[in-house]
Amino acid sequence: MNIGDLAEKLASWIKDEVTARGCRGVVIGMSGGIDSAVVAVLCQRAFPEGTLGVMMPCYSNPGDKAHAQAVAEKFQIPTVTVALDAVYETIVSRLPEYKDKPEQKHLAQANLKPRLRMVTLYYIANQLGYMVAGSSNRSELTVGYFTKYGDGGVDILPLGNLVKGQVIELARHLGIPREIIDKPPSAGLWEGQTDEAEMGVSYEELDGYVLTGKASEEVRKKIEAMTAKSEHKRSLPPMPEF
């Protein structure tokens, strides 16, 4: 399938999935990254009058919001901004702190940000009668590189069968601004954070393994370990069989 046909098919899929559930449009969190930009544009194609981009800065890099705004302006996507800094601070100040677990505290606080964004998106979607579109791709889903009940808490995943390289190709076809395509992928969880540094593998290596099952022994072990550890993220909560 050529990239143009893929874009049209994905937009059609979004429209079918949303309307089949009696909803009128789509809400998408616009982070300033390539994945959310691609999903936002596909949603806008599916629902020209029923797509809303939501920007949710939470001690975020100002450049990310600027990139999200650039996409919204170029493709005429309506947006709202919900600043979560104060909400985040309030919740953190009231949560228990286990000082003997500094690494776990860092991760817990980082994961709180996407969970606050999930709550925000559903609050808006519930009022509008929309569905929440997520931006995770196949590569990220494979190794569990998403926050459970955070950016993983969505209704549809239009990019769920595309590896990162395919998302980049789709972004170029759609006309996503070059500076967004070229910048290092990041979940924006803390200053200087990048996806590849956190995972310990490059997207090129991860894509190759996902598509062919081939990788160096070191990379294969890393990917398989992450996949196994994150299995719970891709499944419904277990229930007893009795």
Protein backbone atom coordinates (compact mmCIF):
# COMPACT_ATOMS: atom_id res chain seq x y z
CA MET A 1 0.00 0.00 0.00
CA ASN A 2 1.45 3.38 -0.94
CA ILE A 3 1.68 6.08 1.69
CA GLY A 4 -1.13 8.19 0.22
CA ASP A 5 -3.54 5.26 0.28
CA LEU A 6 -2.47 4.48 3.84
CA ALA A 7 -3.27 8.01 4.99
CA GLU A 8 -6.72 7.89 3.42
CA LYS A 9 -7.42 4.44 4.81
CA LEU A 10 -6.42 5.48 8.33
CA ALA A 11 -8.63 8.57 8.19
CA SER A 12 -11.52 6.42 7.01
CA TRP A 13 -10.83 3.92 9.80
CA ILE A 14 -10.94 6.67 12.41
CA LYS A 15 -14.27 7.92 11.10
CA ASP A 16 -15.77 4.42 11.03
CA GLU A 17 -14.58 3.52 14.53
CA VAL A 18 -15.87 6.73 16.08
CA THR A 19 -19.24 6.86 14.34
CA ALA A 20 -19.87 3.15 15.01
CA ARG A 21 -19.84 3.99 18.71
CA GLY A 22 -22.25 6.85 18.39
CA CYS A 23 -19.66 9.59 18.90
CA ARG A 24 -19.40 12.86 16.98
CA GLY A 25 -15.68 13.53 16.86
CA VAL A 26 -12.24 13.05 18.32
CA VAL A 27 -10.11 14.61 21.04
CA ILE A 28 -6.32 14.29 20.71
CA GLY A 29 -3.60 15.44 23.06
CA MET A 30 -1.11 17.46 21.01
CA SER A 31 2.32 17.19 22.60
CA GLY A 32 4.41 18.77 19.87
CA GLY A 33 5.82 15.38 18.85
CA ILE A 34 5.58 13.61 15.52
CA ASP A 35 3.15 10.88 16.57
CA SER A 36 0.48 13.19 18.01
CA ALA A 37 0.91 15.54 15.04
CA VAL A 38 0.22 12.71 12.58
CA VAL A 39 -2.79 11.49 14.55
CA ALA A 40 -4.19 15.03 14.82
CA VAL A 41 -3.99 15.54 11.07
CA LEU A 42 -5.57 12.15 10.36
CA CYS A 43 -8.37 12.94 12.81
CA GLN A 44 -8.92 16.31 11.17
CA ARG A 45 -9.28 14.55 7.81
CA ALA A 46 -11.80 12.15 9.34
CA PHE A 47 -13.73 14.86 11.22
CA PRO A 48 -13.07 18.31 9.70
CA GLU A 49 -15.64 19.84 12.06
CA GLY A 50 -15.21 17.42 14.95
CA THR A 51 -11.55 17.31 15.93
CA LEU A 52 -10.16 19.08 18.98
CA GLY A 53 -6.47 19.25 19.85
CA VAL A 54 -5.68 19.66 23.52
CA MET A 55 -2.35 21.08 24.68
CA MET A 56 -1.57 20.15 28.28
CA PRO A 57 1.76 21.64 29.39
CA CYS A 58 3.00 20.36 32.73
CA TYR A 59 6.45 21.80 33.40
CA SER A 60 7.02 21.16 29.72
CA ASN A 61 9.54 22.48 27.22
CA PRO A 62 7.95 25.63 25.70
CA GLY A 63 9.22 24.49 22.32
CA ASP A 64 6.88 21.52 22.43
CA LYS A 65 3.82 23.74 22.71
CA ALA A 66 5.14 25.92 19.89
CA HIS A 67 5.45 22.83 17.68
CA ALA A 68 1.93 21.70 18.58
CA GLN A 69 0.60 25.16 17.75
CA ALA A 70 2.43 25.13 14.42
CA VAL A 71 0.66 21.90 13.44
CA ALA A 72 -2.71 23.20 14.62
CA GLU A 73 -2.32 26.43 12.64
CA LYS A 74 -1.06 24.75 9.48
CA PHE A 75 -3.90 22.23 9.39
CA GLN A 76 -6.58 24.47 10.94
CA ILE A 77 -7.18 22.20 13.92
CA PRO A 78 -9.10 23.88 16.77
CA THR A 79 -7.28 23.65 20.10
CA VAL A 80 -7.65 24.38 23.78
CA THR A 81 -4.83 24.67 26.31
CA VAL A 82 -5.11 23.24 29.80
CA ALA A 83 -2.05 24.06 31.92
CA LEU A 84 -1.52 21.25 34.43
CA ASP A 85 1.45 22.65 36.37
CA ALA A 86 -0.55 23.77 39.41
CA VAL A 87 -2.70 20.62 39.42
CA TYR A 88 0.42 18.48 39.32
CA GLU A 89 2.03 20.41 42.18
CA THR A 90 -1.10 20.17 44.29
CA ILE A 91 -1.40 16.42 43.88
CA VAL A 92 2.31 15.75 44.46
CA SER A 93 2.23 17.86 47.63
CA ARG A 94 -0.56 15.69 49.03
CA LEU A 95 0.73 12.27 48.07
CA PRO A 96 2.81 10.13 50.44
CA GLU A 97 6.56 10.18 49.91
CA TYR A 98 8.83 7.19 50.46
CA LYS A 99 12.26 8.74 50.83
CA ASP A 100 14.09 5.43 50.65
CA LYS A 101 12.84 4.94 47.07
CA PRO A 102 14.28 7.90 45.11
CA GLU A 103 14.31 6.22 41.70
CA GLN A 104 10.76 4.95 42.07
CA LYS A 105 9.65 8.42 43.21
CA HIS A 106 11.14 9.99 40.07
CA LEU A 107 9.32 7.55 37.81
CA ALA A 108 6.05 7.82 39.75
CA GLN A 109 6.07 11.60 39.47
CA ALA A 110 6.93 11.42 35.76
CA ASN A 111 4.05 9.00 35.13
CA LEU A 112 1.66 11.28 36.98
CA LYS A 113 1.87 13.80 34.13
CA PRO A 114 0.42 11.56 31.37
CA ARG A 115 -2.20 10.30 33.83
CA LEU A 116 -3.34 13.85 34.48
CA ARG A 117 -3.49 14.37 30.72
CA MET A 118 -5.63 11.26 30.34
CA VAL A 119 -8.11 12.59 32.92
CA THR A 120 -8.22 15.93 31.11
CA LEU A 121 -8.84 14.39 27.70
CA TYR A 122 -11.68 12.22 28.96
CA TYR A 123 -13.27 15.13 30.83
CA ILE A 124 -13.40 17.08 27.57
CA ALA A 125 -14.41 14.08 25.45
CA ASN A 126 -17.27 13.20 27.79
CA GLN A 127 -18.73 16.70 27.45
CA LEU A 128 -18.44 16.81 23.67
CA GLY A 129 -19.53 13.25 22.90
CA TYR A 130 -16.12 12.59 21.34
CA MET A 131 -13.67 9.69 21.57
CA VAL A 132 -10.05 9.97 22.73
CA ALA A 133 -7.44 9.15 20.09
CA GLY A 134 -4.03 7.97 21.25
CA SER A 135 -0.71 8.40 19.46
CA SER A 136 1.27 5.31 20.48
CA ASN A 137 2.83 3.41 17.59
CA ARG A 138 3.55 -0.30 17.16
CA SER A 139 7.18 0.02 18.25
CA GLU A 140 6.23 1.69 21.54
CA LEU A 141 3.36 -0.68 22.18
CA THR A 142 5.62 -3.71 21.66
CA VAL A 143 7.99 -2.77 24.49
CA GLY A 144 5.42 -1.03 26.68
CA TYR A 145 6.88 2.43 26.18
CA PHE A 146 3.79 4.23 27.40
CA THR A 147 2.23 4.98 30.76
CA LYS A 148 -0.48 2.59 31.87
CA TYR A 149 -3.72 4.58 32.32
CA GLY A 150 -1.83 7.60 31.03
CA ASP A 151 -1.07 7.93 27.31
CA GLY A 152 -2.14 4.27 27.15
CA GLY A 153 -5.63 5.24 28.35
CA VAL A 154 -7.36 5.97 25.04
CA ASP A 155 -10.24 4.76 22.88
CA ILE A 156 -8.50 4.28 19.53
CA LEU A 157 -4.89 3.90 18.38
CA PRO A 158 -4.65 4.88 14.68
CA LEU A 159 -0.87 4.29 14.59
CA GLY A 160 -0.98 1.02 16.51
CA ASN A 161 0.11 -1.08 13.53
CA LEU A 162 2.83 1.27 12.28
CA VAL A 163 6.43 1.22 13.48
CA LYS A 164 8.20 4.53 14.09
CA GLY A 165 9.83 4.64 10.66
CA GLN A 166 6.44 4.27 9.00
CA VAL A 167 5.06 7.10 11.14
CA ILE A 168 7.92 9.30 9.98
CA GLU A 169 7.18 8.43 6.35
CA LEU A 170 3.51 9.24 6.92
CA ALA A 171 4.43 12.54 8.58
CA ARG A 172 6.44 13.57 5.53
CA HIS A 173 3.56 12.71 3.24
CA LEU A 174 1.08 14.70 5.35
CA GLY A 175 3.34 17.75 5.44
CA ILE A 176 4.13 17.81 9.15
CA PRO A 177 6.70 20.61 9.76
CA ARG A 178 10.26 19.41 9.26
CA GLU A 179 11.47 20.58 12.68
CA ILE A 180 8.97 18.22 14.33
CA ILE A 181 10.00 15.27 12.18
CA ASP A 182 13.70 15.85 12.79
CA LYS A 183 13.75 16.50 16.55
CA PRO A 184 14.71 13.62 18.91
CA PRO A 185 11.56 11.74 19.98
CA SER A 186 10.66 12.49 23.60
CA ALA A 187 7.73 11.85 25.93
CA GLY A 188 8.59 15.14 27.65
CA LEU A 189 8.51 13.56 31.10
CA TRP A 190 11.54 15.49 32.37
CA GLU A 191 14.11 17.93 31.02
CA GLY A 192 16.44 16.34 28.49
CA GLN A 193 14.50 13.07 28.37
CA THR A 194 14.50 11.20 25.05
CA ASP A 195 12.75 7.98 24.08
CA GLU A 196 15.81 6.21 22.74
CA ALA A 197 18.01 7.04 25.73
CA GLU A 198 15.35 5.83 28.14
CA MET A 199 14.69 2.59 26.24
CA GLY A 200 18.33 1.89 25.62
CA VAL A 201 17.73 1.04 21.95
CA SER A 202 17.23 3.16 18.85
CA TYR A 203 13.94 3.24 16.99
CA GLU A 204 15.76 1.89 13.95
CA GLU A 205 16.84 -1.15 15.96
CA LEU A 206 13.42 -1.55 17.54
CA ASP A 207 11.58 -1.20 14.22
CA GLY A 208 13.85 -3.77 12.63
CA TYR A 209 13.18 -6.27 15.39
CA VAL A 210 9.41 -5.69 15.34
CA LEU A 211 9.20 -6.13 11.56
CA THR A 212 11.70 -8.96 11.06
CA GLY A 213 12.52 -10.46 14.46
CA LYS A 214 16.19 -9.71 13.76
CA ALA A 215 18.58 -7.70 15.93
CA SER A 216 21.96 -8.02 17.60
CA GLU A 217 21.98 -10.31 20.62
CA GLU A 218 22.27 -7.36 23.00
CA VAL A 219 19.40 -5.45 21.40
CA ARG A 220 17.23 -8.54 21.16
CA LYS A 221 17.63 -9.27 24.86
CA LYS A 222 16.75 -5.67 25.78
CA ILE A 223 13.65 -5.64 23.61
CA GLU A 224 12.43 -9.04 24.77
CA ALA A 225 12.98 -8.09 28.40
CA MET A 226 10.99 -4.87 27.98
CA THR A 227 8.24 -6.73 26.13
CA ALA A 228 7.92 -9.34 28.85
CA LYS A 229 8.02 -6.82 31.69
CA SER A 230 5.31 -4.68 30.09
CA GLU A 231 2.89 -7.47 29.15
CA HIS A 232 0.43 -6.29 31.79
CA LYS A 233 0.10 -2.97 29.96
CA ARG A 234 -1.26 -4.67 26.84
CA SER A 235 -3.81 -6.87 28.61
CA LEU A 236 -6.94 -6.43 30.62
CA PRO A 237 -6.44 -6.88 34.37
CA PRO A 238 -6.31 -10.60 35.22
CA MET A 239 -9.33 -12.16 36.91
CA PRO A 240 -9.62 -15.55 38.63
CA GLU A 241 -11.11 -18.26 36.44
CA PHE A 242 -13.35 -19.53 39.25
